Amino acid sequence: MKAAVIEQYQRDLVMHYDLATPECSPEGALIKVSACGVCRSDWHGWQGHWDWIGFKPQLPAVLGHEMVGEILEVGSQVRRFKRGDRIIAPFNLGCGHCEQCSGGHQNVCDNFSAIGFHMSGGFGEFVHVPRADINLVSLPESISDHSGAALGCRYMTSYHGVVHEGEARPGEWVVVYGSGGVGLAAVEIATQLGAQVIAVARSDRKLEQAKALGAAAVLRFHPKVGEEIIELTKGGAHLSLDCLGKKETCQQSILSLRTRGRHVQLGLTTAEEKGEIALPVDVMVAKELVLRGSLGMQPHRYPEMLAQVMLGRLNPSRMISQTIQAEEISRTLTAMTTYQTDGFVVVDWKK
């Protein structure tokens, strides 16, 4: 099969044209990839980050976790899917039998594994997904391959963070730190829920994108932007989301909140923080703030998000800025180093 392969961290991917196609396990499915997003998480994998949480891919590696495609083969034990079905494969794979999976939280499975990090991903033509019956989601015919790829990680991660973990409500002030793919998706989702959204970013260009997606206000990031938000909202945000994972954005997100406000951490940290960020604990205690982490989304919760897309209330395709071929992935990853990409870039395997 054809694939873009990391052979050295932070170096151009190497195109291979004759890699072995993955074998299909009895409980798995072999997917012919139609489209795959290029996500900032792929950039972190390409950089060699996240070894502190076990996400550093072993080289050589095929990244790509925002994947949609068509089932080419199913194992003998698969009951819910068949050859020819269009699917989304959430990157967060569950085992199906641990405490978390039994409780409906497959996205934080005790035996967690991730497509593109712990196994080959959608930067290759074919992907094997284990335990297909619990880890695949049917993709409605009315949703295009490109839109499905946009939903694959950043959008569904935002949906879970805003709706399920953040519990955003109509009329609330919601602050979104970061206007990359996750942040822009969070702006659209929270706006659709009826919240008053404030987008915070360093780039005027990205703030304009957030405004076009419904943000009620946009602010340039600065070291005391939390105080500005408290003044603007007359007391602080009800919900604030850090979509970057930087020390300063996480801290200001918490400092943006009103009493009993809710902070949701969506962005994983960078090599600078390595998972450790100092928090304003006294403020958290004095205001009885709630802090939650949010990772991916459970497959069984996809239908509610897909229904909103089919009704036109959510439109991930608006955030697709470019479709590329596999040979162009390296250029996109390099551009991400200096935050030069906008919205979602999608690899089109049908080109």
Protein backbone atom coordinates (compact mmCIF):
# COMPACT_ATOMS: atom_id res chain seq x y z
CA MET A 1 0.00 0.00 0.00
CA LYS A 2 0.96 3.64 -0.34
CA ALA A 3 1.77 5.58 2.86
CA ALA A 4 3.57 8.66 4.18
CA VAL A 5 5.95 7.35 6.84
CA ILE A 6 7.86 9.03 9.68
CA GLU A 7 11.35 7.61 9.61
CA GLN A 8 12.91 10.39 11.70
CA TYR A 9 11.17 12.82 14.03
CA GLN A 10 10.93 16.40 12.72
CA ARG A 11 12.08 15.33 9.24
CA ASP A 12 10.06 15.10 6.03
CA LEU A 13 7.86 12.04 5.80
CA VAL A 14 9.07 9.41 3.36
CA MET A 15 6.62 8.13 0.76
CA HIS A 16 6.38 4.35 0.49
CA TYR A 17 4.46 2.71 -2.32
CA ASP A 18 4.76 -0.98 -1.48
CA LEU A 19 4.13 -1.34 2.25
CA ALA A 20 2.32 -4.50 3.29
CA THR A 21 -1.43 -4.06 3.72
CA PRO A 22 -2.47 -4.77 7.35
CA GLU A 23 -4.09 -8.12 8.01
CA CYS A 24 -7.66 -8.28 9.32
CA SER A 25 -8.11 -9.87 12.75
CA PRO A 26 -11.18 -12.01 13.60
CA GLU A 27 -12.78 -9.15 15.59
CA GLY A 28 -11.43 -6.31 13.45
CA ALA A 29 -12.06 -4.55 10.15
CA LEU A 30 -9.77 -3.50 7.32
CA ILE A 31 -10.59 0.01 6.11
CA LYS A 32 -9.80 1.54 2.74
CA VAL A 33 -9.20 5.16 3.72
CA SER A 34 -11.15 7.79 1.77
CA ALA A 35 -10.00 10.90 3.63
CA CYS A 36 -7.92 11.74 6.67
CA GLY A 37 -7.39 15.03 8.47
CA VAL A 38 -3.95 16.38 9.32
CA CYS A 39 -4.31 17.34 12.98
CA ARG A 40 -2.05 19.18 15.41
CA SER A 41 -1.89 15.91 17.32
CA ASP A 42 -0.18 14.47 14.23
CA TRP A 43 2.27 17.38 14.48
CA HIS A 44 3.03 16.45 18.09
CA GLY A 45 3.60 12.84 17.02
CA TRP A 46 5.87 14.01 14.19
CA GLN A 47 7.83 16.12 16.68
CA GLY A 48 8.29 13.14 18.99
CA HIS A 49 6.29 14.69 21.84
CA TRP A 50 4.00 13.08 24.39
CA ASP A 51 6.33 10.31 25.52
CA TRP A 52 5.31 11.45 29.02
CA ILE A 53 1.83 10.01 28.41
CA GLY A 54 2.76 7.09 26.18
CA PHE A 55 1.66 8.69 22.90
CA LYS A 56 5.07 8.89 21.23
CA PRO A 57 4.88 6.70 18.09
CA GLN A 58 7.63 4.14 17.57
CA LEU A 59 9.48 4.66 14.30
CA PRO A 60 8.93 4.01 11.50
CA ALA A 61 5.32 5.12 11.95
CA VAL A 62 2.25 5.98 9.89
CA LEU A 63 0.27 8.75 11.59
CA GLY A 64 -3.26 9.91 10.79
CA HIS A 65 -6.20 9.52 13.16
CA GLU A 66 -9.00 11.70 11.67
CA MET A 67 -10.08 8.95 9.36
CA VAL A 68 -13.10 7.95 7.29
CA GLY A 69 -13.34 5.20 4.74
CA GLU A 70 -15.03 2.10 3.44
CA ILE A 71 -14.80 -1.36 4.96
CA LEU A 72 -12.84 -3.68 2.70
CA GLU A 73 -12.93 -6.75 4.95
CA VAL A 74 -14.40 -7.76 8.31
CA GLY A 75 -13.29 -10.53 10.64
CA SER A 76 -15.39 -13.61 11.34
CA GLN A 77 -16.49 -12.30 14.76
CA VAL A 78 -17.78 -8.91 13.53
CA ARG A 79 -21.58 -8.60 13.63
CA ARG A 80 -22.49 -4.89 13.24
CA PHE A 81 -20.57 -4.05 10.07
CA LYS A 82 -19.97 -5.53 6.64
CA ARG A 83 -17.86 -5.02 3.54
CA GLY A 84 -18.77 -1.78 1.74
CA ASP A 85 -20.02 0.14 4.81
CA ARG A 86 -18.87 3.77 5.10
CA ILE A 87 -17.46 4.45 8.54
CA ILE A 88 -15.72 6.90 10.83
CA ALA A 89 -13.10 5.38 13.11
CA PRO A 90 -12.77 7.42 16.32
CA PHE A 91 -9.08 7.58 17.21
CA ASN A 92 -9.78 6.55 20.82
CA LEU A 93 -10.12 2.77 20.77
CA GLY A 94 -11.80 0.81 23.56
CA CYS A 95 -11.18 -2.77 24.65
CA GLY A 96 -14.85 -3.42 25.41
CA HIS A 97 -14.44 -5.19 28.73
CA CYS A 98 -12.72 -2.86 31.24
CA GLU A 99 -14.52 -0.78 33.88
CA GLN A 100 -14.54 2.35 31.71
CA CYS A 101 -15.83 0.61 28.58
CA SER A 102 -18.52 -1.16 30.61
CA GLY A 103 -19.63 2.24 31.91
CA GLY A 104 -19.87 3.75 28.41
CA HIS A 105 -16.56 5.66 28.57
CA GLN A 106 -14.65 3.88 25.83
CA ASN A 107 -12.74 7.10 25.06
CA VAL A 108 -10.81 6.70 28.33
CA CYS A 109 -10.53 2.91 28.20
CA ASP A 110 -8.24 1.40 30.85
CA ASN A 111 -6.45 -0.34 27.97
CA PHE A 112 -6.48 2.76 25.77
CA SER A 113 -4.89 2.72 22.33
CA ALA A 114 -5.02 5.29 19.53
CA ILE A 115 -5.06 4.99 15.76
CA GLY A 116 -1.93 6.59 14.29
CA PHE A 117 -0.01 6.41 17.57
CA HIS A 118 -0.18 2.82 18.76
CA MET A 119 -0.92 1.40 15.30
CA SER A 120 -0.71 2.57 11.68
CA GLY A 121 -3.15 5.31 10.74
CA GLY A 122 -4.79 7.15 7.89
CA PHE A 123 -1.64 8.56 6.32
CA GLY A 124 -1.66 5.13 4.68
CA GLU A 125 -4.20 3.77 2.18
CA PHE A 126 -5.44 1.00 4.48
CA VAL A 127 -5.98 0.84 8.25
CA HIS A 128 -6.87 -2.08 10.48
CA VAL A 129 -9.27 -1.20 13.30
CA PRO A 130 -9.44 -3.77 16.12
CA ARG A 131 -12.71 -4.67 17.86
CA ALA A 132 -14.72 -3.16 15.04
CA ASP A 133 -18.13 -3.68 16.63
CA ILE A 134 -17.34 -1.22 19.46
CA ASN A 135 -14.85 1.07 17.72
CA LEU A 136 -16.49 1.97 14.40
CA VAL A 137 -19.32 4.39 13.66
CA SER A 138 -21.48 4.30 10.53
CA LEU A 139 -21.14 7.42 8.37
CA PRO A 140 -24.47 8.58 6.85
CA GLU A 141 -24.49 8.91 3.07
CA SER A 142 -25.44 12.60 3.32
CA ILE A 143 -22.13 13.44 5.04
CA SER A 144 -19.20 13.69 2.64
CA ASP A 145 -15.84 12.01 3.14
CA HIS A 146 -14.18 15.38 3.73
CA SER A 147 -16.75 16.43 6.35
CA GLY A 148 -16.43 13.05 8.00
CA ALA A 149 -12.67 13.46 8.24
CA ALA A 150 -13.17 16.91 9.77
CA LEU A 151 -15.34 15.24 12.43
CA GLY A 152 -12.76 12.55 13.14
CA CYS A 153 -10.81 14.14 16.01
CA ARG A 154 -10.84 17.91 16.42
CA TYR A 155 -14.55 18.39 15.89
CA MET A 156 -15.72 15.44 17.95
CA THR A 157 -13.21 16.31 20.67
CA SER A 158 -14.72 19.80 20.84
CA TYR A 159 -18.26 18.43 20.79
CA HIS A 160 -17.56 16.16 23.76
CA GLY A 161 -15.75 18.94 25.61
CA VAL A 162 -18.41 21.60 25.05
CA VAL A 163 -21.56 19.48 25.30
CA HIS A 164 -20.80 16.57 27.61
CA GLU A 165 -17.95 17.68 29.86
CA GLY A 166 -18.50 21.45 29.70
CA GLU A 167 -22.31 21.22 29.77
CA ALA A 168 -22.62 24.54 27.92
CA ARG A 169 -26.08 26.08 28.20
CA PRO A 170 -28.00 28.75 26.29
CA GLY A 171 -27.18 32.27 27.43
CA GLU A 172 -23.96 31.34 29.21
CA TRP A 173 -20.66 33.04 28.55
CA VAL A 174 -18.25 30.53 27.04
CA VAL A 175 -14.59 31.44 26.45
CA VAL A 176 -12.51 29.46 23.94
CA TYR A 177 -8.72 29.78 24.15
CA GLY A 178 -7.10 28.95 20.83
CA SER A 179 -8.53 29.21 17.31
CA GLY A 180 -6.99 26.16 15.72
CA GLY A 181 -9.15 23.26 14.59
CA VAL A 182 -10.37 22.34 18.09
CA GLY A 183 -10.98 25.96 19.07
CA LEU A 184 -12.89 26.89 15.92
CA ALA A 185 -15.06 23.80 16.25
CA ALA A 186 -15.75 24.72 19.89
CA VAL A 187 -16.82 28.22 18.82
CA GLU A 188 -19.33 26.86 16.31
CA ILE A 189 -20.69 24.18 18.66
CA ALA A 190 -21.10 26.49 21.68
CA THR A 191 -22.72 29.17 19.49
CA GLN A 192 -25.19 26.62 18.12
CA LEU A 193 -26.12 25.73 21.70
CA GLY A 194 -27.06 29.37 22.28
CA ALA A 195 -24.03 30.40 24.33
CA GLN A 196 -22.32 33.78 24.07
CA VAL A 197 -18.85 32.85 22.88
CA ILE A 198 -15.62 34.80 23.36
CA ALA A 199 -12.70 33.56 21.23
CA VAL A 200 -9.16 34.28 22.42
CA ALA A 201 -6.15 33.84 20.13
CA ARG A 202 -2.89 35.51 19.12
CA SER A 203 -3.68 35.77 15.42
CA ASP A 204 -6.05 38.37 13.99
CA ARG A 205 -6.63 36.07 11.03
CA LYS A 206 -7.83 33.26 13.27
CA LEU A 207 -9.95 35.59 15.35
CA GLU A 208 -11.71 36.67 12.16
CA GLN A 209 -12.43 33.02 11.45
CA ALA A 210 -13.87 32.60 14.92
CA LYS A 211 -16.06 35.66 14.41
CA ALA A 212 -17.37 34.22 11.13
CA LEU A 213 -18.33 31.05 13.00
CA GLY A 214 -20.46 32.97 15.48
CA ALA A 215 -18.20 34.30 18.23
CA ALA A 216 -19.92 37.19 20.01
CA ALA A 217 -16.54 38.75 20.84
CA VAL A 218 -12.89 38.13 19.96
CA LEU A 219 -9.84 39.09 22.00
CA ARG A 220 -6.11 39.05 21.35
CA PHE A 221 -4.35 36.98 23.98
CA HIS A 222 -2.28 38.86 26.57
CA PRO A 223 -1.01 37.93 30.05
CA LYS A 224 -4.04 39.41 31.84
CA VAL A 225 -6.79 38.61 29.35
CA GLY A 226 -8.66 36.75 32.11
CA GLU A 227 -9.24 40.03 33.92
CA GLU A 228 -10.53 41.60 30.70
CA ILE A 229 -13.00 38.74 30.29
CA ILE A 230 -14.26 39.10 33.86
CA GLU A 231 -14.92 42.78 33.19
CA LEU A 232 -16.54 42.13 29.79
CA THR A 233 -18.86 39.43 31.13
CA LYS A 234 -19.61 41.29 34.38
CA GLY A 235 -18.28 38.56 36.61
CA GLY A 236 -16.56 35.99 34.43
CA ALA A 237 -17.33 33.14 32.08
CA HIS A 238 -19.55 30.25 33.07
CA LEU A 239 -17.41 27.90 31.00
CA SER A 240 -13.90 28.27 29.63
CA LEU A 241 -12.03 25.85 27.40
CA ASP A 242 -8.29 25.65 26.82
CA CYS A 243 -7.86 24.19 23.35
CA LEU A 244 -4.08 24.72 23.17
CA GLY A 245 -2.51 23.12 26.22
CA LYS A 246 -0.07 25.95 26.85
CA LYS A 247 0.74 27.01 30.40
CA GLU A 248 -0.44 30.57 29.90
CA THR A 249 -3.71 29.65 28.16
CA CYS A 250 -4.63 27.08 30.80
CA GLN A 251 -3.95 29.53 33.62
CA GLN A 252 -5.84 32.40 31.99
CA SER A 253 -8.73 30.07 31.15
CA ILE A 254 -9.17 29.31 34.85
CA LEU A 255 -8.74 32.96 35.78
CA SER A 256 -11.51 33.89 33.28
CA LEU A 257 -14.18 32.10 35.29
CA ARG A 258 -16.90 33.44 37.53
CA THR A 259 -17.64 31.82 40.88
CA ARG A 260 -18.57 28.13 40.42
CA GLY A 261 -17.47 28.32 36.80
CA ARG A 262 -16.24 25.33 34.80
CA HIS A 263 -12.88 24.88 33.09
CA VAL A 264 -12.44 22.11 30.49
CA GLN A 265 -8.95 21.14 29.38
CA LEU A 266 -9.04 19.95 25.76
CA GLY A 267 -5.46 20.66 24.64
CA LEU A 268 -2.65 18.35 25.67
CA THR A 269 0.55 20.11 26.64
CA THR A 270 3.68 20.77 24.61
CA ALA A 271 7.33 19.82 25.09
CA GLU A 272 7.70 22.98 27.19
CA GLU A 273 5.22 21.85 29.86
CA LYS A 274 5.56 18.05 29.54
CA GLY A 275 2.19 17.62 31.22
CA GLU A 276 2.87 19.85 34.23
CA ILE A 277 1.22 23.28 34.67
CA ALA A 278 1.07 25.40 37.85
CA LEU A 279 -2.55 26.25 38.72
CA PRO A 280 -4.08 29.16 40.71
CA VAL A 281 -5.27 26.84 43.47
CA ASP A 282 -6.42 29.53 45.92
CA VAL A 283 -8.69 31.06 43.26
CA MET A 284 -10.05 27.59 42.48
CA VAL A 285 -10.87 27.00 46.14
CA ALA A 286 -12.28 30.48 46.81
CA LYS A 287 -14.57 30.34 43.75
CA GLU A 288 -15.39 26.61 43.99
CA LEU A 289 -14.31 26.16 40.38
CA VAL A 290 -14.76 22.89 38.52
CA LEU A 291 -11.89 21.52 36.40
CA ARG A 292 -12.44 18.72 33.93
CA GLY A 293 -10.35 16.94 31.35
CA SER A 294 -11.86 15.86 28.05
CA LEU A 295 -10.46 13.33 25.58
CA GLY A 296 -12.01 12.40 22.23
CA MET A 297 -15.56 11.05 22.32
CA GLN A 298 -17.27 7.72 22.82
CA PRO A 299 -18.51 6.01 19.63
CA HIS A 300 -22.04 5.63 21.04
CA ARG A 301 -22.30 9.44 21.31
CA TYR A 302 -21.50 10.07 17.65
CA PRO A 303 -25.11 9.76 16.43
CA GLU A 304 -26.23 12.90 18.31
CA MET A 305 -23.42 14.91 16.71
CA LEU A 306 -24.02 13.41 13.26
CA ALA A 307 -27.72 14.28 13.56
CA GLN A 308 -26.82 17.93 14.13
CA VAL A 309 -24.61 17.86 11.02
CA MET A 310 -27.36 16.28 8.89
CA LEU A 311 -29.83 18.92 10.07
CA GLY A 312 -27.38 21.65 9.05
CA ARG A 313 -27.02 23.02 12.57
CA LEU A 314 -23.34 22.11 12.61
CA ASN A 315 -21.20 22.38 9.50
CA PRO A 316 -17.65 21.03 9.85
CA SER A 317 -17.05 21.44 6.12
CA ARG A 318 -16.89 25.24 6.66
CA MET A 319 -13.60 24.70 8.46
CA ILE A 320 -11.90 22.72 5.69
CA SER A 321 -9.33 25.09 4.25
CA GLN A 322 -7.51 22.71 1.93
CA THR A 323 -7.50 19.17 0.53
CA ILE A 324 -4.13 17.64 -0.26
CA GLN A 325 -2.47 14.44 -1.44
CA ALA A 326 -0.37 12.24 0.81
CA GLU A 327 2.83 13.64 -0.71
CA GLU A 328 1.91 17.08 0.71
CA ILE A 329 1.52 16.03 4.35
CA SER A 330 5.10 17.02 5.26
CA ARG A 331 4.54 20.55 4.00
CA THR A 332 1.42 20.86 6.15
CA LEU A 333 3.18 19.58 9.27
CA THR A 334 6.02 22.04 8.70
CA ALA A 335 3.52 24.91 8.38
CA MET A 336 1.94 23.86 11.70
CA THR A 337 5.26 24.50 13.45
CA THR A 338 4.73 28.24 13.03
CA TYR A 339 0.91 28.12 13.24
CA GLN A 340 0.54 28.88 9.53
CA THR A 341 -2.36 26.51 8.84
CA ASP A 342 -6.01 27.54 9.01
CA GLY A 343 -8.93 25.31 9.90
CA PHE A 344 -8.78 21.70 8.75
CA VAL A 345 -6.44 20.28 6.12
CA VAL A 346 -7.68 16.95 4.74
CA VAL A 347 -5.79 14.27 2.82
CA ASP A 348 -8.00 13.06 -0.04
CA TRP A 349 -7.09 9.44 -0.81
CA LYS A 350 -9.44 9.42 -3.81
CA LYS A 351 -7.43 12.09 -5.68
